[in-house]
C-alpha atoms as a PDB file:
ATOM      1  CA  MET A   1       8.925 -17.529  22.259  1.00  0.00           C
ATOM      2  CA  LEU A   2       9.075 -13.780  21.542  1.00  0.00           C
ATOM      3  CA  THR A   3       6.587 -11.500  23.306  1.00  0.00           C
ATOM      4  CA  LEU A   4       5.531  -8.259  21.492  1.00  0.00           C
ATOM      5  CA  ASN A   5       5.793  -4.711  23.640  1.00  0.00           C
ATOM      6  CA  SER A   6       3.058  -3.204  23.448  1.00  0.00           C
ATOM      7  CA  ASP A   7       4.567  -0.094  24.826  1.00  0.00           C
ATOM      8  CA  PHE A   8       4.768   2.372  22.077  1.00  0.00           C
ATOM      9  CA  SER A   9       3.044   4.794  19.311  1.00  0.00           C
ATOM     10  CA  ASP A  10       1.821   3.779  16.102  1.00  0.00           C
ATOM     11  CA  GLU A  11       4.077   6.038  14.628  1.00  0.00           C
ATOM     12  CA  LEU A  12       7.666   4.769  16.073  1.00  0.00           C
ATOM     13  CA  TRP A  13       7.678   1.494  16.925  1.00  0.00           C
ATOM     14  CA  GLU A  14      10.612   0.612  19.051  1.00  0.00           C
ATOM     15  CA  PRO A  15      10.468  -3.112  20.039  1.00  0.00           C
ATOM     16  CA  PRO A  16      12.840  -4.493  22.267  1.00  0.00           C
ATOM     17  CA  GLU A  17      16.374  -5.344  21.792  1.00  0.00           C
ATOM     18  CA  SER A  18      15.809  -8.752  21.725  1.00  0.00           C
ATOM     19  CA  GLU A  19      13.215  -8.762  18.716  1.00  0.00           C
ATOM     20  CA  PHE A  20      16.275  -7.512  16.560  1.00  0.00           C
ATOM     21  CA  GLN A  21      18.502 -10.777  17.786  1.00  0.00           C
ATOM     22  CA  PRO A  22      17.229 -13.241  15.195  1.00  0.00           C
ATOM     23  CA  LEU A  23      18.533 -10.973  12.235  1.00  0.00           C
ATOM     24  CA  LEU A  24      21.913 -10.699  13.940  1.00  0.00           C
ATOM     25  CA  ASP A  25      21.609 -14.039  14.155  1.00  0.00           C
ATOM     26  CA  PHE A  26      20.861 -15.053  10.608  1.00  0.00           C
ATOM     27  CA  GLN A  27      23.408 -12.388   9.200  1.00  0.00           C
ATOM     28  CA  ASN A  28      26.062 -14.800  11.340  1.00  0.00           C
ATOM     29  CA  GLU A  29      24.736 -17.957   9.767  1.00  0.00           C
ATOM     30  CA  ILE A  30      24.906 -16.564   6.434  1.00  0.00           C
ATOM     31  CA  LEU A  31      28.564 -14.811   6.905  1.00  0.00           C
ATOM     32  CA  SER A  32      29.876 -17.980   8.626  1.00  0.00           C
ATOM     33  CA  ASP A  33      29.284 -20.349   5.520  1.00  0.00           C
ATOM     34  CA  THR A  34      30.737 -17.525   3.112  1.00  0.00           C
ATOM     35  CA  PRO A  35      32.080 -17.828   0.445  1.00  0.00           C
ATOM     36  CA  HIS A  36      31.051 -21.323   0.721  1.00  0.00           C
ATOM     37  CA  ASN A  37      27.344 -20.556   0.406  1.00  0.00           C
ATOM     38  CA  ASP A  38      25.140 -23.024  -1.928  1.00  0.00           C
ATOM     39  CA  ILE A  39      24.186 -19.859  -4.299  1.00  0.00           C
ATOM     40  CA  ALA A  40      21.286 -22.072  -5.580  1.00  0.00           C
ATOM     41  CA  LEU A  41      20.049 -22.122  -1.735  1.00  0.00           C
ATOM     42  CA  LEU A  42      20.658 -18.451  -1.041  1.00  0.00           C
ATOM     43  CA  THR A  43      18.796 -17.817  -4.408  1.00  0.00           C
ATOM     44  CA  GLN A  44      15.759 -19.805  -3.503  1.00  0.00           C
ATOM     45  CA  ARG A  45      15.515 -18.084  -0.031  1.00  0.00           C
ATOM     46  CA  ILE A  46      15.791 -14.719  -1.295  1.00  0.00           C
ATOM     47  CA  LYS A  47      13.497 -15.244  -4.011  1.00  0.00           C
ATOM     48  CA  ARG A  48      11.056 -16.199  -1.568  1.00  0.00           C
ATOM     49  CA  SER A  49      11.781 -13.517   0.824  1.00  0.00           C
ATOM     50  CA  PHE A  50       9.899 -11.626  -1.807  1.00  0.00           C
ATOM     51  CA  LEU A  51       6.689 -12.629  -0.581  1.00  0.00           C
ATOM     52  CA  ASP A  52       7.156 -11.908   2.877  1.00  0.00           C
ATOM     53  CA  TYR A  53       4.176  -9.419   2.630  1.00  0.00           C
ATOM     54  CA  VAL A  54       1.520 -12.683   1.745  1.00  0.00           C
ATOM     55  CA  ARG A  55       2.821 -14.535   4.534  1.00  0.00           C
ATOM     56  CA  GLN A  56       2.333 -11.609   6.463  1.00  0.00           C
ATOM     57  CA  GLY A  57      -1.100 -11.041   5.098  1.00  0.00           C
ATOM     58  CA  ILE A  58      -2.277 -14.624   5.851  1.00  0.00           C
ATOM     59  CA  MET A  59      -1.337 -14.298   9.468  1.00  0.00           C
ATOM     60  CA  LEU A  60      -3.164 -10.773   9.738  1.00  0.00           C
ATOM     61  CA  GLU A  61      -6.137 -12.101   8.548  1.00  0.00           C
ATOM     62  CA  ALA A  62      -6.089 -15.263  10.741  1.00  0.00           C
ATOM     63  CA  VAL A  63      -5.601 -12.871  13.615  1.00  0.00           C
ATOM     64  CA  ARG A  64      -8.698 -10.571  12.505  1.00  0.00           C
ATOM     65  CA  ARG A  65     -10.972 -13.557  11.103  1.00  0.00           C
ATOM     66  CA  TYR A  66     -10.759 -15.493  13.727  1.00  0.00           C
ATOM     67  CA  ARG A  67     -10.266 -12.460  16.381  1.00  0.00           C
ATOM     68  CA  LEU A  68      -7.820 -14.389  18.017  1.00  0.00           C
ATOM     69  CA  TYR A  69      -6.989 -10.520  19.640  1.00  0.00           C
ATOM     70  CA  LYS A  70      -9.751 -10.690  21.775  1.00  0.00           C
ATOM     71  CA  ARG A  71      -7.262 -12.434  24.141  1.00  0.00           C
ATOM     72  CA  GLN A  72      -5.741  -9.031  25.310  1.00  0.00           C
ATOM     73  CA  TYR A  73      -7.279  -6.471  22.883  1.00  0.00           C
ATOM     74  CA  ARG A  74     -10.208  -4.593  22.265  1.00  0.00           C
ATOM     75  CA  ASN A  75     -10.473  -5.013  18.564  1.00  0.00           C
ATOM     76  CA  PHE A  76      -8.478  -5.492  15.319  1.00  0.00           C
ATOM     77  CA  ALA A  77      -7.225  -1.507  15.267  1.00  0.00           C
ATOM     78  CA  GLU A  78      -6.219  -1.769  18.925  1.00  0.00           C
ATOM     79  CA  TYR A  79      -4.130  -4.644  18.455  1.00  0.00           C
ATOM     80  CA  CYS A  80      -2.790  -3.511  15.104  1.00  0.00           C
ATOM     81  CA  LYS A  81      -1.452  -0.491  16.995  1.00  0.00           C
ATOM     82  CA  LEU A  82      -0.442  -1.415  20.564  1.00  0.00           C
ATOM     83  CA  GLY A  83       0.309  -5.737  19.218  1.00  0.00           C
ATOM     84  CA  LEU A  84       2.437  -4.477  16.167  1.00  0.00           C
ATOM     85  CA  GLY A  85       3.143  -0.907  16.039  1.00  0.00           C
ATOM     86  CA  ARG A  86       1.279  -0.434  12.976  1.00  0.00           C
ATOM     87  CA  SER A  87      -2.199   1.384  11.461  1.00  0.00           C
ATOM     88  CA  PRO A  88      -4.892  -0.790  11.222  1.00  0.00           C
ATOM     89  CA  PHE A  89      -5.461   0.832   7.609  1.00  0.00           C
ATOM     90  CA  TYR A  90      -1.920  -0.362   6.340  1.00  0.00           C
ATOM     91  CA  CYS A  91      -2.542  -4.192   7.785  1.00  0.00           C
ATOM     92  CA  SER A  92      -5.615  -4.282   5.821  1.00  0.00           C
ATOM     93  CA  ARG A  93      -3.836  -3.250   3.055  1.00  0.00           C
ATOM     94  CA  ILE A  94      -1.606  -5.892   3.644  1.00  0.00           C
ATOM     95  CA  ILE A  95      -4.290  -8.691   3.726  1.00  0.00           C
ATOM     96  CA  GLN A  96      -5.662  -7.164   0.814  1.00  0.00           C
ATOM     97  CA  ALA A  97      -2.432  -7.263  -1.418  1.00  0.00           C
ATOM     98  CA  ALA A  98      -1.650 -11.043   0.216  1.00  0.00           C
ATOM     99  CA  GLU A  99      -5.170 -11.825  -1.305  1.00  0.00           C
ATOM    100  CA  VAL A 100      -4.554 -10.528  -4.693  1.00  0.00           C
ATOM    101  CA  CYS A 101      -1.039 -12.525  -4.876  1.00  0.00           C
ATOM    102  CA  LEU A 102      -2.629 -15.817  -3.368  1.00  0.00           C
ATOM    103  CA  ARG A 103      -5.362 -15.357  -6.280  1.00  0.00           C
ATOM    104  CA  LEU A 104      -2.451 -14.958  -9.066  1.00  0.00           C
ATOM    105  CA  ILE A 105      -0.641 -18.246  -7.550  1.00  0.00           C
ATOM    106  CA  ARG A 106      -3.748 -20.359  -7.649  1.00  0.00           C
ATOM    107  CA  ALA A 107      -4.193 -18.641 -11.221  1.00  0.00           C
ATOM    108  CA  LYS A 108      -0.658 -20.557 -11.832  1.00  0.00           C
ATOM    109  CA  PHE A 109       1.354 -17.305 -12.855  1.00  0.00           C
ATOM    110  CA  LYS A 110       5.223 -17.907 -12.106  1.00  0.00           C
ATOM    111  CA  ILE A 111       5.815 -14.090 -11.393  1.00  0.00           C
ATOM    112  CA  LEU A 112       3.969 -11.785  -8.516  1.00  0.00           C
ATOM    113  CA  PRO A 113       3.794  -8.582  -7.496  1.00  0.00           C
ATOM    114  CA  THR A 114       6.792  -8.554  -4.706  1.00  0.00           C
ATOM    115  CA  SER A 115       5.443  -6.134  -2.424  1.00  0.00           C
ATOM    116  CA  VAL A 116       2.374  -4.694  -1.305  1.00  0.00           C
ATOM    117  CA  ALA A 117       2.980  -1.451  -3.295  1.00  0.00           C
ATOM    118  CA  GLN A 118       2.876  -3.482  -6.242  1.00  0.00           C
ATOM    119  CA  ALA A 119      -0.388  -5.707  -5.536  1.00  0.00           C
ATOM    120  CA  LEU A 120      -2.392  -2.445  -4.325  1.00  0.00           C
ATOM    121  CA  PRO A 121      -3.150  -1.508  -7.684  1.00  0.00           C
ATOM    122  CA  LEU A 122      -4.848  -5.090  -8.377  1.00  0.00           C
ATOM    123  CA  VAL A 123      -6.932  -4.912  -5.564  1.00  0.00           C
ATOM    124  CA  LYS A 124      -9.891  -2.895  -6.865  1.00  0.00           C
ATOM    125  CA  PHE A 125      -9.642  -5.664 -10.170  1.00  0.00           C
ATOM    126  CA  ALA A 126      -9.700  -8.747  -7.872  1.00  0.00           C
ATOM    127  CA  LYS A 127     -13.729  -8.312  -7.063  1.00  0.00           C
ATOM    128  CA  VAL A 128     -15.638 -11.330  -8.021  1.00  0.00           C
ATOM    129  CA  ASP A 129     -19.007 -10.707 -10.062  1.00  0.00           C
ATOM    130  CA  GLU A 130     -22.072 -12.955  -9.826  1.00  0.00           C
ATOM    131  CA  TYR A 131     -20.905 -15.217 -11.904  1.00  0.00           C
ATOM    132  CA  GLY A 132     -17.818 -15.796 -10.412  1.00  0.00           C
ATOM    133  CA  ASP A 133     -15.138 -13.897 -12.189  1.00  0.00           C
ATOM    134  CA  SER A 134     -13.161 -11.271 -12.162  1.00  0.00           C
ATOM    135  CA  PRO A 135     -10.651  -8.675 -14.663  1.00  0.00           C
ATOM    136  CA  LEU A 136      -7.527  -9.473 -12.260  1.00  0.00           C
ATOM    137  CA  GLU A 137      -5.992 -12.295 -14.109  1.00  0.00           C
ATOM    138  CA  ASP A 138      -6.050 -10.712 -17.770  1.00  0.00           C
ATOM    139  CA  LYS A 139      -4.796  -7.217 -15.784  1.00  0.00           C
ATOM    140  CA  TRP A 140      -1.730  -8.755 -14.343  1.00  0.00           C
ATOM    141  CA  GLN A 141      -1.142 -10.446 -17.916  1.00  0.00           C
ATOM    142  CA  THR A 142      -1.312  -7.465 -19.475  1.00  0.00           C
ATOM    143  CA  VAL A 143       1.423  -5.977 -17.096  1.00  0.00           C
ATOM    144  CA  LEU A 144       3.661  -8.957 -17.683  1.00  0.00           C
ATOM    145  CA  GLY A 145       3.197  -8.566 -21.320  1.00  0.00           C
ATOM    146  CA  ASN A 146       4.017  -4.971 -21.150  1.00  0.00           C
ATOM    147  CA  PHE A 147       7.410  -5.420 -19.011  1.00  0.00           C
ATOM    148  CA  GLN A 148      10.183  -7.577 -18.070  1.00  0.00           C
ATOM    149  CA  PRO A 149       9.672  -8.857 -14.625  1.00  0.00           C
ATOM    150  CA  GLU A 150      13.024  -6.875 -13.320  1.00  0.00           C
ATOM    151  CA  ASN A 151      11.329  -3.796 -14.818  1.00  0.00           C
ATOM    152  CA  ILE A 152       7.483  -3.920 -12.883  1.00  0.00           C
ATOM    153  CA  THR A 153       7.266  -1.121 -10.821  1.00  0.00           C
ATOM    154  CA  ALA A 154       3.918  -0.358  -8.884  1.00  0.00           C
ATOM    155  CA  ALA A 155       4.202   2.573 -10.795  1.00  0.00           C
ATOM    156  CA  LYS A 156       3.720   1.005 -13.836  1.00  0.00           C
ATOM    157  CA  ILE A 157       1.020  -1.346 -12.893  1.00  0.00           C
ATOM    158  CA  ALA A 158      -0.731   1.429 -11.878  1.00  0.00           C
ATOM    159  CA  GLU A 159      -0.573   2.790 -15.100  1.00  0.00           C
ATOM    160  CA  THR A 160      -0.839  -0.287 -17.004  1.00  0.00           C
ATOM    161  CA  VAL A 161      -4.003  -1.150 -15.227  1.00  0.00           C
ATOM    162  CA  ASP A 162      -5.622   1.904 -15.376  1.00  0.00           C
ATOM    163  CA  GLU A 163      -9.213   1.830 -17.657  1.00  0.00           C
ATOM    164  CA  ASN A 164      -9.197   5.314 -18.190  1.00  0.00           C
ATOM    165  CA  PRO A 165      -6.213   5.124 -20.993  1.00  0.00           C
ATOM    166  CA  GLU A 166      -7.925   8.242 -22.977  1.00  0.00           C
ATOM    167  CA  SER A 167      -7.219  10.210 -19.979  1.00  0.00           C
ATOM    168  CA  ARG A 168      -3.069   9.765 -20.222  1.00  0.00           C
ATOM    169  CA  LEU A 169      -3.145  10.873 -24.303  1.00  0.00           C
ATOM    170  CA  GLN A 170      -2.789  14.541 -22.652  1.00  0.00           C
ATOM    171  CA  GLN A 171       0.897  14.659 -21.886  1.00  0.00           C
ATOM    172  CA  VAL A 172       2.340  16.514 -19.349  1.00  0.00           C
ATOM    173  CA  ARG A 173       5.474  17.066 -17.957  1.00  0.00           C
ATOM    174  CA  ILE A 174       5.792  15.740 -14.209  1.00  0.00           C
ATOM    175  CA  LYS A 175       8.978  15.220 -12.118  1.00  0.00           C
ATOM    176  CA  LYS A 176       9.552  11.691 -11.675  1.00  0.00           C
ATOM    177  CA  ASP A 177       9.549  11.934  -7.714  1.00  0.00           C
ATOM    178  CA  THR A 178       6.018  13.715  -7.605  1.00  0.00           C
ATOM    179  CA  TYR A 179       4.494  11.021 -10.217  1.00  0.00           C
ATOM    180  CA  ALA A 180       5.535   8.362  -7.655  1.00  0.00           C
ATOM    181  CA  LEU A 181       4.495  10.266  -4.924  1.00  0.00           C
ATOM    182  CA  LEU A 182       0.922  10.930  -6.251  1.00  0.00           C
ATOM    183  CA  VAL A 183       0.645   6.875  -7.645  1.00  0.00           C
ATOM    184  CA  LYS A 184       1.279   5.807  -4.107  1.00  0.00           C
ATOM    185  CA  LYS A 185      -1.211   8.423  -2.493  1.00  0.00           C
ATOM    186  CA  ALA A 186      -3.452   7.187  -5.601  1.00  0.00           C
ATOM    187  CA  ALA A 187      -3.212   3.377  -4.393  1.00  0.00           C
ATOM    188  CA  ALA A 188      -3.831   4.417  -0.825  1.00  0.00           C
ATOM    189  CA  ALA A 189      -6.979   5.642  -1.488  1.00  0.00           C
ATOM    190  CA  GLY A 190      -7.950   2.883  -3.616  1.00  0.00           C
ATOM    191  CA  LEU A 191      -8.280   4.896  -7.343  1.00  0.00           C
ATOM    192  CA  SER A 192      -6.081   4.970 -10.342  1.00  0.00           C
ATOM    193  CA  PHE A 193      -3.846   7.642 -11.388  1.00  0.00           C
ATOM    194  CA  SER A 194      -5.705   9.263 -13.521  1.00  0.00           C
ATOM    195  CA  GLU A 195      -8.716   9.289 -10.991  1.00  0.00           C
ATOM    196  CA  LEU A 196      -6.802  10.945  -8.172  1.00  0.00           C
ATOM    197  CA  LEU A 197      -5.840  13.769 -10.688  1.00  0.00           C
ATOM    198  CA  ASP A 198      -9.990  13.745 -11.950  1.00  0.00           C
ATOM    199  CA  ARG A 199     -10.493  13.978  -8.240  1.00  0.00           C
ATOM    200  CA  ILE A 200      -7.723  16.920  -7.209  1.00  0.00           C
ATOM    201  CA  ALA A 201      -9.436  18.862 -10.208  1.00  0.00           C
ATOM    202  CA  ASP A 202     -13.126  18.462  -9.562  1.00  0.00           C
ATOM    203  CA  GLU A 203     -12.765  19.277  -5.714  1.00  0.00           C
ATOM    204  CA  TYR A 204     -10.028  21.306  -5.363  1.00  0.00           C
ATOM    205  CA  ASN A 205     -11.209  25.376  -4.800  1.00  0.00           C
ATOM    206  CA  PRO A 206      -8.870  27.759  -3.688  1.00  0.00           C
ATOM    207  CA  GLN A 207     -11.623  29.593  -1.929  1.00  0.00           C
ATOM    208  CA  ASP A 208     -13.165  26.916  -0.325  1.00  0.00           C
ATOM    209  CA  ILE A 209     -11.274  26.053   3.177  1.00  0.00           C
ATOM    210  CA  GLU A 210     -14.216  25.054   5.207  1.00  0.00           C
ATOM    211  CA  GLU A 211     -13.381  21.615   6.973  1.00  0.00           C
ATOM    212  CA  PRO A 212     -14.880  18.427   5.372  1.00  0.00           C
ATOM    213  CA  THR A 213     -17.587  16.693   7.501  1.00  0.00           C
ATOM    214  CA  THR A 214     -16.431  14.284  10.573  1.00  0.00           C
ATOM    215  CA  HIS A 215     -14.673  10.695   9.216  1.00  0.00           C
ATOM    216  CA  THR A 216     -14.784   7.510  10.717  1.00  0.00           C
ATOM    217  CA  PRO A 217     -11.127   6.856  12.716  1.00  0.00           C
ATOM    218  CA  GLU A 218     -10.421   4.216   9.788  1.00  0.00           C
ATOM    219  CA  GLN A 219     -10.757   7.156   7.678  1.00  0.00           C
ATOM    220  CA  GLU A 220      -9.190   9.634  10.197  1.00  0.00           C
ATOM    221  CA  ALA A 221      -5.879   6.954  10.179  1.00  0.00           C
ATOM    222  CA  ILE A 222      -5.836   7.326   6.484  1.00  0.00           C
ATOM    223  CA  LEU A 223      -5.804  11.238   6.380  1.00  0.00           C
ATOM    224  CA  ASP A 224      -2.965  11.418   9.365  1.00  0.00           C
ATOM    225  CA  GLN A 225      -0.954   8.904   7.346  1.00  0.00           C
ATOM    226  CA  LEU A 226      -1.156  11.076   4.369  1.00  0.00           C
ATOM    227  CA  ASP A 227      -0.637  14.367   5.789  1.00  0.00           C
ATOM    228  CA  ALA A 228       2.549  13.028   7.771  1.00  0.00           C
ATOM    229  CA  GLU A 229       4.041  11.994   4.667  1.00  0.00           C
ATOM    230  CA  PHE A 230       3.337  15.428   2.922  1.00  0.00           C
ATOM    231  CA  GLN A 231       4.964  17.000   5.800  1.00  0.00           C
ATOM    232  CA  LYS A 232       8.227  14.653   5.241  1.00  0.00           C
ATOM    233  CA  ASP A 233       8.061  15.335   1.940  1.00  0.00           C
ATOM    234  CA  SER A 234       7.164  18.893   1.864  1.00  0.00           C
ATOM    235  CA  ALA A 235       4.970  19.920  -0.222  1.00  0.00           C
ATOM    236  CA  VAL A 236       4.198  18.288  -4.280  1.00  0.00           C
ATOM    237  CA  GLU A 237       6.333  19.566  -6.914  1.00  0.00           C
ATOM    238  CA  ALA A 238       5.243  21.438  -9.451  1.00  0.00           C
ATOM    239  CA  ILE A 239       3.450  20.062 -12.742  1.00  0.00           C
ATOM    240  CA  GLY A 240       4.180  21.944 -15.975  1.00  0.00           C
ATOM    241  CA  LYS A 241       7.802  22.637 -17.425  1.00  0.00           C
ATOM    242  CA  THR A 242       8.879  25.354 -14.923  1.00  0.00           C
ATOM    243  CA  ASP A 243      10.122  24.242 -11.183  1.00  0.00           C
ATOM    244  CA  LYS A 244       7.835  26.771  -9.212  1.00  0.00           C
ATOM    245  CA  PRO A 245       5.316  25.101  -7.019  1.00  0.00           C
ATOM    246  CA  VAL A 246       1.440  24.630  -8.458  1.00  0.00           C
ATOM    247  CA  ALA A 247      -0.995  26.470  -6.433  1.00  0.00           C
ATOM    248  CA  GLY A 248      -3.313  23.960  -4.683  1.00  0.00           C
ATOM    249  CA  PHE A 249      -0.637  21.176  -4.465  1.00  0.00           C
ATOM    250  CA  ALA A 250       0.123  22.578  -0.728  1.00  0.00           C
ATOM    251  CA  ILE A 251      -0.043  19.956   2.002  1.00  0.00           C
ATOM    252  CA  LYS A 252      -3.390  21.380   3.326  1.00  0.00           C
ATOM    253  CA  LYS A 253      -5.221  21.601  -0.226  1.00  0.00           C
ATOM    254  CA  LEU A 254      -4.574  17.668  -1.190  1.00  0.00           C
ATOM    255  CA  SER A 255      -5.600  16.568   2.388  1.00  0.00           C
ATOM    256  CA  LYS A 256      -8.801  17.965   1.615  1.00  0.00           C
ATOM    257  CA  SER A 257      -8.921  16.235  -2.015  1.00  0.00           C
ATOM    258  CA  TYR A 258      -8.008  12.533  -0.246  1.00  0.00           C
ATOM    259  CA  HIS A 259     -10.923  13.703   2.040  1.00  0.00           C
ATOM    260  CA  GLY A 260     -13.153  13.370  -0.670  1.00  0.00           C
ATOM    261  CA  ALA A 261     -11.534  10.360  -2.430  1.00  0.00           C
ATOM    262  CA  ILE A 262     -11.735   8.235   0.639  1.00  0.00           C
ATOM    263  CA  SER A 263     -14.877   9.290   1.355  1.00  0.00           C
ATOM    264  CA  ALA A 264     -16.073   7.934  -2.368  1.00  0.00           C
ATOM    265  CA  ASN A 265     -13.933   4.984  -1.778  1.00  0.00           C
ATOM    266  CA  ARG A 266     -15.538   3.520   1.688  1.00  0.00           C
ATOM    267  CA  SER A 267     -16.330   0.130   0.106  1.00  0.00           C
ATOM    268  CA  ASP A 268     -13.452  -0.513  -0.539  1.00  0.00           C
ATOM    269  CA  GLN A 269     -11.551   0.021   3.219  1.00  0.00           C
ATOM    270  CA  VAL A 270     -11.423  -3.249   5.173  1.00  0.00           C
ATOM    271  CA  SER A 271     -11.575  -2.762   9.126  1.00  0.00           C
ATOM    272  CA  ASP A 272     -12.966  -4.565  12.265  1.00  0.00           C
ATOM    273  CA  SER A 273     -14.432  -2.681  14.758  1.00  0.00           C
ATOM    274  CA  SER A 274     -15.858  -5.786  16.965  1.00  0.00           C
END
């Protein structure tokens, strides 16, 4: 039985060497049968592995719902940080993504989101109304009607389920990497791509450098994660026909916009402060 090492930071997880051994053993198992592997069996195992995030979400939800972490940790957030080496926000998003996929499985869909990033744009549509209905199935069917399975990406899903299509009629040129980055940030804040741009446009003020009000620990974790990613990727590229940076898309200014986006979407955040 493997024991998780809690002696590492949330930013850099360095598990003991023994934790990687199963992967090395698995590689040896597969290669030892090559080239006589059963392709049908390998294909089945590969396809199942695309949904590993669902298994992670199921286990995380069991730990959170039944407070299994209480044996060693004060709360779910501490368990995520020290037990798993992951942020509580990220773990909560895995749970949400897994629930979306499970709902689609129960609805008899054969083609499913293959990653957390693909499932997240659908989370807001999984909410059930007073009659027990939700637009989740219709939204996913729309995605499947527009793209072949091999062409489905998180960015395409986010754009397809966007409930404000008129906002996309005004075309602008934007670099592919920049678009993908903004879609990722929008999903992290629980917004559609157009909603994110609307918030940036509405809330950005070059004269306003005052720090926003305090946030919950969960919201601060989101902001820290976003800032770290923007520092890694430098500043966002220009939107338009030139390659020059656009004022207001620097790291600091976007962080302020996300403060507003996250504050406005508190109800979509999943946390456990017990």
